[in-house]
Amino acid sequence: MSTLVQATEGKLVVVTSYPPDTTTTFKKAFEKKYPGIKVEMLKKKTTAGVKYLQETAGNNTSDLFWASAPDAFEILKGDDLLQKYQTKVKGIPEKVGAFPINDPDGYYKGFAASGYGIMWNTRYLKAKKLPVPHEWEDLTKAVYHNHVGMSAPSRSGTTHLTVETVLQGKGWEEGWATWKET
């Protein structure tokens, strides 16, 4: 069922991996602009969201999939679970670095570019007498051995993009060497 049809029935269903502190703002703004439509946010990890859309494809009640993992959209596209979308927004670059923003066939669009990087616990660094890291390569230094952690790329779309960015930027061999050193 298309978004337009469901929206006229008074409900917009969004399957998303984003937390409520992000989605609530969008939900309130949408419901304010369209007071006759209630937004339902189905919070699921990206992989669970993809599985949910695959399993409910025969009786789909979802209107929008909102996540940060391009590979998830490729899976949904490959399963013919996406509709083409034409954006009205102009001026968005086609790529950030070598990474494409939108699907060239028009089945999904990038909606935001977020910064990410290294963060640290200042008390931990002080207690362990560690220097503040400034670059990704800093984390490969011996002084940081057993002091670095990250989310599993299979559980976090943002972490997956971080891993992909390093691999694409440095190439397969050098990229994996960097991750193994970190």
N, C-alpha and C. Protein backbone atom coordinates (compact mmCIF):
# COMPACT_ATOMS: atom_id res chain seq x y z
N MET A 1 0.86 -1.17 0.00
CA MET A 1 0.00 0.00 0.00
C MET A 1 0.91 1.22 0.00
N SER A 2 0.62 2.18 -0.84
CA SER A 2 1.49 3.35 -0.94
C SER A 2 1.32 4.27 0.26
N THR A 3 2.33 5.10 0.48
CA THR A 3 2.29 6.06 1.59
C THR A 3 1.10 6.97 1.46
N LEU A 4 0.81 7.42 0.25
CA LEU A 4 -0.32 8.33 0.06
C LEU A 4 -1.62 7.69 0.50
N VAL A 5 -1.82 6.43 0.15
CA VAL A 5 -3.05 5.75 0.54
C VAL A 5 -3.12 5.59 2.05
N GLN A 6 -2.05 5.10 2.67
CA GLN A 6 -2.07 4.93 4.12
C GLN A 6 -2.19 6.26 4.84
N ALA A 7 -1.50 7.27 4.32
CA ALA A 7 -1.55 8.58 4.97
C ALA A 7 -2.98 9.12 4.96
N THR A 8 -3.72 8.85 3.88
CA THR A 8 -5.11 9.32 3.85
C THR A 8 -5.96 8.53 4.83
N GLU A 9 -5.49 7.37 5.25
CA GLU A 9 -6.20 6.59 6.26
C GLU A 9 -5.82 7.03 7.66
N GLY A 10 -4.97 8.05 7.76
CA GLY A 10 -4.65 8.65 9.04
C GLY A 10 -3.48 8.06 9.79
N LYS A 11 -2.63 7.28 9.11
CA LYS A 11 -1.51 6.67 9.81
C LYS A 11 -0.31 6.54 8.88
N LEU A 12 0.86 6.88 9.40
CA LEU A 12 2.10 6.74 8.67
C LEU A 12 3.02 5.86 9.53
N VAL A 13 3.43 4.71 9.00
CA VAL A 13 4.23 3.75 9.75
C VAL A 13 5.68 3.81 9.27
N VAL A 14 6.57 4.09 10.22
CA VAL A 14 7.99 4.21 9.93
C VAL A 14 8.75 3.12 10.68
N VAL A 15 9.46 2.29 9.95
CA VAL A 15 10.33 1.28 10.55
C VAL A 15 11.72 1.92 10.62
N THR A 16 12.27 2.01 11.82
CA THR A 16 13.53 2.73 11.97
C THR A 16 14.42 2.15 13.06
N SER A 17 15.71 2.32 12.83
CA SER A 17 16.69 1.93 13.84
C SER A 17 17.09 3.11 14.72
N TYR A 18 16.59 4.28 14.38
CA TYR A 18 16.96 5.46 15.15
C TYR A 18 16.26 5.48 16.50
N PRO A 19 16.93 6.04 17.51
CA PRO A 19 16.36 6.08 18.86
C PRO A 19 15.26 7.15 18.98
N PRO A 20 14.42 7.02 19.99
CA PRO A 20 13.34 7.99 20.20
C PRO A 20 13.80 9.44 20.33
N ASP A 21 15.00 9.67 20.87
CA ASP A 21 15.43 11.06 21.00
C ASP A 21 15.64 11.71 19.63
N THR A 22 15.78 10.92 18.58
CA THR A 22 15.84 11.44 17.21
C THR A 22 14.46 11.42 16.56
N THR A 23 13.77 10.30 16.64
CA THR A 23 12.51 10.15 15.91
C THR A 23 11.37 10.98 16.48
N THR A 24 11.37 11.22 17.77
CA THR A 24 10.28 11.98 18.39
C THR A 24 10.18 13.38 17.80
N THR A 25 11.29 14.01 17.54
CA THR A 25 11.30 15.36 16.96
C THR A 25 10.63 15.35 15.59
N PHE A 26 10.99 14.39 14.76
CA PHE A 26 10.40 14.30 13.43
C PHE A 26 8.92 13.95 13.51
N LYS A 27 8.57 13.04 14.39
CA LYS A 27 7.17 12.62 14.58
C LYS A 27 6.30 13.82 14.95
N LYS A 28 6.75 14.60 15.93
CA LYS A 28 5.98 15.76 16.39
C LYS A 28 5.84 16.80 15.27
N ALA A 29 6.92 17.06 14.56
CA ALA A 29 6.88 18.05 13.47
C ALA A 29 5.93 17.60 12.36
N PHE A 30 5.98 16.31 12.00
CA PHE A 30 5.11 15.80 10.95
C PHE A 30 3.65 15.88 11.38
N GLU A 31 3.36 15.44 12.59
CA GLU A 31 1.98 15.45 13.08
C GLU A 31 1.45 16.87 13.24
N LYS A 32 2.32 17.82 13.52
CA LYS A 32 1.90 19.22 13.60
C LYS A 32 1.55 19.75 12.21
N LYS A 33 2.36 19.40 11.23
CA LYS A 33 2.11 19.86 9.85
C LYS A 33 0.92 19.15 9.23
N TYR A 34 0.72 17.89 9.59
CA TYR A 34 -0.38 17.08 9.05
C TYR A 34 -1.19 16.53 10.23
N PRO A 35 -2.03 17.36 10.86
CA PRO A 35 -2.72 16.95 12.10
C PRO A 35 -3.65 15.75 11.96
N GLY A 36 -4.06 15.40 10.77
CA GLY A 36 -4.94 14.25 10.60
C GLY A 36 -4.21 12.93 10.47
N ILE A 37 -2.88 12.97 10.52
CA ILE A 37 -2.09 11.75 10.33
C ILE A 37 -1.26 11.49 11.57
N LYS A 38 -1.40 10.30 12.13
CA LYS A 38 -0.60 9.86 13.27
C LYS A 38 0.60 9.06 12.75
N VAL A 39 1.76 9.34 13.32
CA VAL A 39 2.97 8.63 12.93
C VAL A 39 3.25 7.55 13.96
N GLU A 40 3.47 6.34 13.47
CA GLU A 40 3.85 5.22 14.32
C GLU A 40 5.28 4.85 14.00
N MET A 41 6.17 4.95 14.97
CA MET A 41 7.57 4.59 14.80
C MET A 41 7.78 3.17 15.32
N LEU A 42 8.14 2.25 14.44
CA LEU A 42 8.46 0.88 14.84
C LEU A 42 9.98 0.79 15.02
N LYS A 43 10.44 0.82 16.25
CA LYS A 43 11.87 0.81 16.57
C LYS A 43 12.41 -0.61 16.45
N LYS A 44 13.34 -0.78 15.50
CA LYS A 44 13.99 -2.08 15.29
C LYS A 44 15.43 -1.84 14.88
N LYS A 45 16.33 -2.70 15.31
CA LYS A 45 17.69 -2.64 14.80
C LYS A 45 17.59 -2.77 13.28
N THR A 46 18.59 -2.26 12.58
CA THR A 46 18.53 -2.26 11.12
C THR A 46 18.30 -3.66 10.56
N THR A 47 19.04 -4.65 11.03
CA THR A 47 18.88 -6.01 10.51
C THR A 47 17.49 -6.56 10.81
N ALA A 48 16.98 -6.25 12.00
CA ALA A 48 15.63 -6.70 12.36
C ALA A 48 14.58 -5.96 11.53
N GLY A 49 14.84 -4.70 11.21
CA GLY A 49 13.93 -3.93 10.37
C GLY A 49 13.85 -4.51 8.96
N VAL A 50 14.99 -4.86 8.41
CA VAL A 50 15.02 -5.49 7.08
C VAL A 50 14.25 -6.80 7.12
N LYS A 51 14.52 -7.62 8.12
CA LYS A 51 13.83 -8.91 8.26
C LYS A 51 12.31 -8.70 8.39
N TYR A 52 11.92 -7.72 9.18
CA TYR A 52 10.50 -7.41 9.38
C TYR A 52 9.84 -7.04 8.04
N LEU A 53 10.50 -6.21 7.26
CA LEU A 53 9.93 -5.81 5.97
C LEU A 53 9.86 -6.99 5.00
N GLN A 54 10.86 -7.86 5.05
CA GLN A 54 10.83 -9.06 4.21
C GLN A 54 9.69 -9.98 4.62
N GLU A 55 9.51 -10.17 5.92
CA GLU A 55 8.48 -11.09 6.42
C GLU A 55 7.06 -10.55 6.24
N THR A 56 6.90 -9.24 6.22
CA THR A 56 5.56 -8.65 6.09
C THR A 56 5.27 -8.16 4.67
N ALA A 57 6.13 -8.50 3.73
CA ALA A 57 5.98 -8.01 2.35
C ALA A 57 4.62 -8.35 1.75
N GLY A 58 4.09 -9.50 2.07
CA GLY A 58 2.81 -9.91 1.51
C GLY A 58 1.63 -9.14 2.07
N ASN A 59 1.78 -8.54 3.23
CA ASN A 59 0.72 -7.77 3.87
C ASN A 59 1.34 -6.50 4.47
N ASN A 60 2.01 -5.75 3.61
CA ASN A 60 2.79 -4.60 4.06
C ASN A 60 1.91 -3.48 4.63
N THR A 61 2.27 -3.04 5.82
CA THR A 61 1.60 -1.87 6.41
C THR A 61 2.62 -0.78 6.74
N SER A 62 3.87 -0.96 6.29
CA SER A 62 4.92 0.02 6.54
C SER A 62 5.02 0.98 5.36
N ASP A 63 5.30 2.25 5.70
CA ASP A 63 5.39 3.27 4.66
C ASP A 63 6.82 3.72 4.38
N LEU A 64 7.65 3.66 5.42
CA LEU A 64 8.98 4.24 5.29
C LEU A 64 9.97 3.42 6.10
N PHE A 65 11.15 3.20 5.52
CA PHE A 65 12.25 2.57 6.24
C PHE A 65 13.31 3.65 6.42
N TRP A 66 13.68 3.92 7.68
CA TRP A 66 14.58 5.02 8.00
C TRP A 66 15.76 4.47 8.78
N ALA A 67 16.91 4.38 8.11
CA ALA A 67 18.11 3.83 8.72
C ALA A 67 19.33 4.45 8.07
N SER A 68 20.50 4.16 8.61
CA SER A 68 21.73 4.75 8.09
C SER A 68 22.62 3.77 7.34
N ALA A 69 22.16 2.57 7.12
CA ALA A 69 22.99 1.54 6.49
C ALA A 69 22.60 1.35 5.02
N PRO A 70 23.42 1.85 4.10
CA PRO A 70 23.10 1.70 2.68
C PRO A 70 22.94 0.24 2.25
N ASP A 71 23.67 -0.67 2.86
CA ASP A 71 23.56 -2.08 2.48
C ASP A 71 22.17 -2.62 2.79
N ALA A 72 21.52 -2.11 3.83
CA ALA A 72 20.15 -2.54 4.15
C ALA A 72 19.20 -2.15 3.02
N PHE A 73 19.39 -0.96 2.48
CA PHE A 73 18.55 -0.51 1.38
C PHE A 73 18.82 -1.32 0.11
N GLU A 74 20.07 -1.72 -0.07
CA GLU A 74 20.39 -2.56 -1.22
C GLU A 74 19.69 -3.91 -1.12
N ILE A 75 19.62 -4.46 0.08
CA ILE A 75 18.91 -5.73 0.28
C ILE A 75 17.43 -5.55 -0.05
N LEU A 76 16.82 -4.50 0.49
CA LEU A 76 15.40 -4.25 0.23
C LEU A 76 15.14 -3.98 -1.25
N LYS A 77 16.04 -3.27 -1.89
CA LYS A 77 15.93 -3.01 -3.33
C LYS A 77 16.00 -4.33 -4.10
N GLY A 78 16.97 -5.17 -3.73
CA GLY A 78 17.13 -6.46 -4.40
C GLY A 78 15.92 -7.36 -4.23
N ASP A 79 15.22 -7.20 -3.11
CA ASP A 79 14.00 -7.98 -2.84
C ASP A 79 12.75 -7.31 -3.42
N ASP A 80 12.94 -6.23 -4.16
CA ASP A 80 11.83 -5.48 -4.78
C ASP A 80 10.85 -4.96 -3.72
N LEU A 81 11.40 -4.48 -2.59
CA LEU A 81 10.56 -3.99 -1.50
C LEU A 81 10.61 -2.46 -1.37
N LEU A 82 11.19 -1.80 -2.34
CA LEU A 82 11.23 -0.34 -2.34
C LEU A 82 10.55 0.21 -3.58
N GLN A 83 10.00 1.39 -3.43
CA GLN A 83 9.44 2.11 -4.58
C GLN A 83 10.39 3.23 -4.95
N LYS A 84 10.42 3.59 -6.23
CA LYS A 84 11.25 4.71 -6.65
C LYS A 84 10.70 6.00 -6.02
N TYR A 85 11.63 6.90 -5.74
CA TYR A 85 11.27 8.16 -5.12
C TYR A 85 12.02 9.29 -5.82
N GLN A 86 11.30 10.31 -6.17
CA GLN A 86 11.90 11.48 -6.81
C GLN A 86 11.89 12.63 -5.82
N THR A 87 13.06 13.10 -5.44
CA THR A 87 13.16 14.18 -4.47
C THR A 87 12.96 15.54 -5.14
N LYS A 88 12.45 16.48 -4.38
CA LYS A 88 12.28 17.85 -4.86
C LYS A 88 13.45 18.73 -4.44
N VAL A 89 14.28 18.22 -3.55
CA VAL A 89 15.40 18.98 -3.02
C VAL A 89 16.52 19.02 -4.05
N LYS A 90 17.09 20.18 -4.25
CA LYS A 90 18.21 20.35 -5.19
C LYS A 90 19.46 20.74 -4.43
N GLY A 91 20.62 20.48 -5.03
CA GLY A 91 21.88 20.93 -4.47
C GLY A 91 22.60 19.94 -3.58
N ILE A 92 22.04 18.76 -3.36
CA ILE A 92 22.72 17.75 -2.55
C ILE A 92 23.75 17.06 -3.43
N PRO A 93 25.00 16.96 -2.96
CA PRO A 93 26.02 16.33 -3.80
C PRO A 93 25.71 14.85 -4.05
N GLU A 94 26.21 14.35 -5.16
CA GLU A 94 26.01 12.95 -5.50
C GLU A 94 26.83 12.02 -4.61
N LYS A 95 27.99 12.52 -4.14
CA LYS A 95 28.88 11.69 -3.32
C LYS A 95 29.49 12.51 -2.20
N VAL A 96 29.82 11.82 -1.11
CA VAL A 96 30.68 12.38 -0.08
C VAL A 96 31.96 11.57 -0.19
N GLY A 97 33.02 12.21 -0.62
CA GLY A 97 34.24 11.48 -0.95
C GLY A 97 33.93 10.55 -2.10
N ALA A 98 34.19 9.27 -1.91
CA ALA A 98 33.88 8.28 -2.95
C ALA A 98 32.56 7.58 -2.69
N PHE A 99 31.88 7.96 -1.60
CA PHE A 99 30.67 7.25 -1.19
C PHE A 99 29.42 7.90 -1.78
N PRO A 100 28.62 7.18 -2.57
CA PRO A 100 27.41 7.77 -3.15
C PRO A 100 26.35 8.07 -2.09
N ILE A 101 25.65 9.18 -2.26
CA ILE A 101 24.61 9.61 -1.33
C ILE A 101 23.28 8.92 -1.64
N ASN A 102 22.96 8.82 -2.92
CA ASN A 102 21.66 8.27 -3.35
C ASN A 102 21.84 7.05 -4.23
N ASP A 103 20.82 6.22 -4.26
CA ASP A 103 20.80 5.08 -5.17
C ASP A 103 20.70 5.61 -6.59
N PRO A 104 21.59 5.20 -7.49
CA PRO A 104 21.54 5.72 -8.86
C PRO A 104 20.25 5.36 -9.60
N ASP A 105 19.55 4.32 -9.14
CA ASP A 105 18.28 3.92 -9.77
C ASP A 105 17.08 4.62 -9.13
N GLY A 106 17.29 5.39 -8.06
CA GLY A 106 16.22 6.17 -7.46
C GLY A 106 15.37 5.46 -6.42
N TYR A 107 15.85 4.35 -5.87
CA TYR A 107 15.04 3.61 -4.90
C TYR A 107 15.25 4.06 -3.45
N TYR A 108 16.33 4.74 -3.17
CA TYR A 108 16.53 5.30 -1.84
C TYR A 108 17.40 6.54 -1.97
N LYS A 109 17.23 7.43 -0.99
CA LYS A 109 17.93 8.70 -0.98
C LYS A 109 18.61 8.90 0.37
N GLY A 110 19.76 9.53 0.34
CA GLY A 110 20.40 9.94 1.57
C GLY A 110 19.61 11.12 2.13
N PHE A 111 19.49 11.19 3.43
CA PHE A 111 18.69 12.26 4.03
C PHE A 111 19.50 13.14 4.95
N ALA A 112 20.70 12.72 5.30
CA ALA A 112 21.52 13.52 6.20
C ALA A 112 22.96 13.08 6.08
N ALA A 113 23.84 14.00 6.31
CA ALA A 113 25.26 13.67 6.40
C ALA A 113 25.67 14.00 7.83
N SER A 114 26.20 13.02 8.50
CA SER A 114 26.55 13.20 9.90
C SER A 114 28.05 13.10 10.08
N GLY A 115 28.52 13.85 11.02
CA GLY A 115 29.92 13.73 11.37
C GLY A 115 30.10 12.61 12.37
N TYR A 116 31.22 12.00 12.35
CA TYR A 116 31.54 10.98 13.33
C TYR A 116 33.03 10.98 13.51
N GLY A 117 33.48 10.37 14.54
CA GLY A 117 34.90 10.36 14.77
C GLY A 117 35.26 9.62 16.03
N ILE A 118 36.32 10.08 16.63
CA ILE A 118 36.87 9.45 17.83
C ILE A 118 36.32 10.18 19.04
N MET A 119 35.89 9.43 20.03
CA MET A 119 35.54 10.05 21.30
C MET A 119 36.24 9.28 22.41
N TRP A 120 36.42 9.95 23.53
CA TRP A 120 37.16 9.34 24.60
C TRP A 120 36.63 9.81 25.95
N ASN A 121 36.95 9.02 26.95
CA ASN A 121 36.61 9.32 28.32
C ASN A 121 37.83 10.01 28.93
N THR A 122 37.70 11.30 29.25
CA THR A 122 38.84 12.07 29.74
C THR A 122 39.39 11.50 31.05
N ARG A 123 38.51 11.04 31.93
CA ARG A 123 38.99 10.46 33.20
C ARG A 123 39.79 9.18 32.94
N TYR A 124 39.32 8.37 31.99
CA TYR A 124 40.02 7.12 31.67
C TYR A 124 41.41 7.44 31.11
N LEU A 125 41.48 8.39 30.15
CA LEU A 125 42.78 8.75 29.58
C LEU A 125 43.74 9.23 30.66
N LYS A 126 43.23 10.05 31.56
CA LYS A 126 44.07 10.58 32.64
C LYS A 126 44.53 9.45 33.57
N ALA A 127 43.61 8.59 33.96
CA ALA A 127 43.95 7.48 34.87
C ALA A 127 44.97 6.53 34.25
N LYS A 128 44.86 6.31 32.95
CA LYS A 128 45.76 5.37 32.27
C LYS A 128 46.98 6.08 31.67
N LYS A 129 47.03 7.41 31.86
CA LYS A 129 48.15 8.22 31.34
C LYS A 129 48.29 8.06 29.82
N LEU A 130 47.16 8.16 29.14
CA LEU A 130 47.14 8.03 27.68
C LEU A 130 47.00 9.42 27.04
N PRO A 131 47.68 9.63 25.91
CA PRO A 131 47.50 10.90 25.20
C PRO A 131 46.13 10.93 24.48
N VAL A 132 45.64 12.12 24.23
CA VAL A 132 44.39 12.27 23.48
C VAL A 132 44.67 11.91 22.02
N PRO A 133 43.89 10.99 21.43
CA PRO A 133 44.09 10.68 20.01
C PRO A 133 43.51 11.79 19.13
N HIS A 134 44.19 12.09 18.04
CA HIS A 134 43.73 13.16 17.15
C HIS A 134 43.31 12.64 15.77
N GLU A 135 43.86 11.52 15.36
CA GLU A 135 43.59 10.93 14.05
C GLU A 135 43.30 9.45 14.22
N TRP A 136 42.61 8.85 13.22
CA TRP A 136 42.35 7.42 13.26
C TRP A 136 43.65 6.65 13.44
N GLU A 137 44.70 7.07 12.72
CA GLU A 137 45.98 6.37 12.79
C GLU A 137 46.56 6.38 14.20
N ASP A 138 46.23 7.41 14.99
CA ASP A 138 46.73 7.43 16.38
C ASP A 138 46.31 6.17 17.13
N LEU A 139 45.13 5.67 16.82
CA LEU A 139 44.61 4.50 17.53
C LEU A 139 45.36 3.21 17.22
N THR A 140 46.19 3.25 16.18
CA THR A 140 46.99 2.07 15.84
C THR A 140 48.28 2.02 16.64
N LYS A 141 48.59 3.08 17.38
CA LYS A 141 49.83 3.12 18.17
C LYS A 141 49.74 2.16 19.36
N ALA A 142 50.90 1.60 19.72
CA ALA A 142 50.96 0.60 20.79
C ALA A 142 50.40 1.11 22.11
N VAL A 143 50.52 2.39 22.38
CA VAL A 143 50.05 2.95 23.65
C VAL A 143 48.54 2.74 23.84
N TYR A 144 47.79 2.60 22.76
CA TYR A 144 46.34 2.42 22.85
C TYR A 144 45.90 0.95 22.86
N HIS A 145 46.86 0.03 22.75
CA HIS A 145 46.52 -1.39 22.73
C HIS A 145 45.69 -1.76 23.96
N ASN A 146 44.58 -2.43 23.75
CA ASN A 146 43.62 -2.84 24.79
C ASN A 146 42.87 -1.68 25.44
N HIS A 147 42.87 -0.52 24.79
CA HIS A 147 42.13 0.63 25.31
C HIS A 147 41.12 1.16 24.30
N VAL A 148 40.96 0.51 23.17
CA VAL A 148 40.08 0.99 22.10
C VAL A 148 38.92 0.03 21.94
N GLY A 149 37.74 0.56 21.77
CA GLY A 149 36.56 -0.27 21.52
C GLY A 149 35.62 0.42 20.56
N MET A 150 34.74 -0.36 19.97
CA MET A 150 33.71 0.19 19.08
C MET A 150 32.55 -0.79 19.02
N SER A 151 31.42 -0.30 18.57
CA SER A 151 30.25 -1.16 18.37
C SER A 151 30.55 -2.16 17.26
N ALA A 152 29.85 -3.27 17.28
CA ALA A 152 29.99 -4.25 16.20
C ALA A 152 29.33 -3.68 14.93
N PRO A 153 30.04 -3.68 13.81
CA PRO A 153 29.45 -3.17 12.58
C PRO A 153 28.15 -3.87 12.18
N SER A 154 27.99 -5.11 12.60
CA SER A 154 26.76 -5.85 12.29
C SER A 154 25.58 -5.38 13.14
N ARG A 155 25.85 -4.61 14.20
CA ARG A 155 24.79 -4.14 15.08
C ARG A 155 24.56 -2.64 14.98
N SER A 156 25.43 -1.92 14.29
CA SER A 156 25.32 -0.48 14.20
C SER A 156 25.57 -0.01 12.77
N GLY A 157 24.56 0.60 12.18
CA GLY A 157 24.71 1.13 10.82
C GLY A 157 25.80 2.18 10.73
N THR A 158 25.91 3.02 11.75
CA THR A 158 26.94 4.05 11.75
C THR A 158 28.33 3.43 11.83
N THR A 159 28.50 2.44 12.69
CA THR A 159 29.80 1.77 12.78
C THR A 159 30.11 1.06 11.47
N HIS A 160 29.11 0.45 10.87
CA HIS A 160 29.32 -0.21 9.58
C HIS A 160 29.81 0.80 8.55
N LEU A 161 29.19 1.98 8.52
CA LEU A 161 29.63 3.02 7.58
C LEU A 161 31.05 3.47 7.88
N THR A 162 31.40 3.55 9.14
CA THR A 162 32.77 3.93 9.52
C THR A 162 33.76 2.92 8.98
N VAL A 163 33.48 1.64 9.19
CA VAL A 163 34.36 0.59 8.68
C VAL A 163 34.44 0.66 7.16
N GLU A 164 33.30 0.81 6.51
CA GLU A 164 33.26 0.90 5.04
C GLU A 164 34.05 2.09 4.52
N THR A 165 33.94 3.22 5.21
CA THR A 165 34.64 4.43 4.78
C THR A 165 36.15 4.23 4.80
N VAL A 166 36.65 3.61 5.86
CA VAL A 166 38.08 3.33 5.94
C VAL A 166 38.49 2.34 4.84
N LEU A 167 37.70 1.31 4.64
CA LEU A 167 38.03 0.32 3.61
C LEU A 167 38.01 0.93 2.21
N GLN A 168 37.01 1.75 1.94
CA GLN A 168 36.94 2.36 0.61
C GLN A 168 38.00 3.43 0.42
N GLY A 169 38.31 4.17 1.47
CA GLY A 169 39.30 5.23 1.37
C GLY A 169 40.71 4.71 1.24
N LYS A 170 41.03 3.63 1.93
CA LYS A 170 42.39 3.10 1.94
C LYS A 170 42.56 1.88 1.03
N GLY A 171 41.46 1.32 0.57
CA GLY A 171 41.54 0.08 -0.18
C GLY A 171 41.44 -1.11 0.76
N TRP A 172 41.16 -2.27 0.19
CA TRP A 172 40.88 -3.47 0.97
C TRP A 172 42.04 -3.86 1.89
N GLU A 173 43.23 -4.02 1.32
CA GLU A 173 44.38 -4.49 2.10
C GLU A 173 44.78 -3.49 3.19
N GLU A 174 45.02 -2.25 2.81
CA GLU A 174 45.46 -1.24 3.78
C GLU A 174 44.34 -0.92 4.79
N GLY A 175 43.09 -0.91 4.31
CA GLY A 175 41.96 -0.65 5.21
C GLY A 175 41.84 -1.69 6.30
N TRP A 176 41.90 -2.97 5.92
CA TRP A 176 41.80 -4.03 6.93
C TRP A 176 43.03 -4.04 7.83
N ALA A 177 44.18 -3.70 7.28
CA ALA A 177 45.38 -3.61 8.11
C ALA A 177 45.19 -2.53 9.19
N THR A 178 44.59 -1.41 8.80
CA THR A 178 44.33 -0.33 9.77
C THR A 178 43.39 -0.80 10.85
N TRP A 179 42.29 -1.48 10.47
CA TRP A 179 41.33 -1.95 11.48
C TRP A 179 41.96 -2.99 12.39
N LYS A 180 42.80 -3.86 11.85
CA LYS A 180 43.44 -4.88 12.68
C LYS A 180 44.43 -4.27 13.66
N GLU A 181 45.06 -3.16 13.29
CA GLU A 181 46.01 -2.49 14.17
C GLU A 181 45.31 -1.71 15.27
N THR A 182 44.09 -1.32 15.04
CA THR A 182 43.37 -0.46 15.98
C THR A 182 42.92 -1.23 17.19
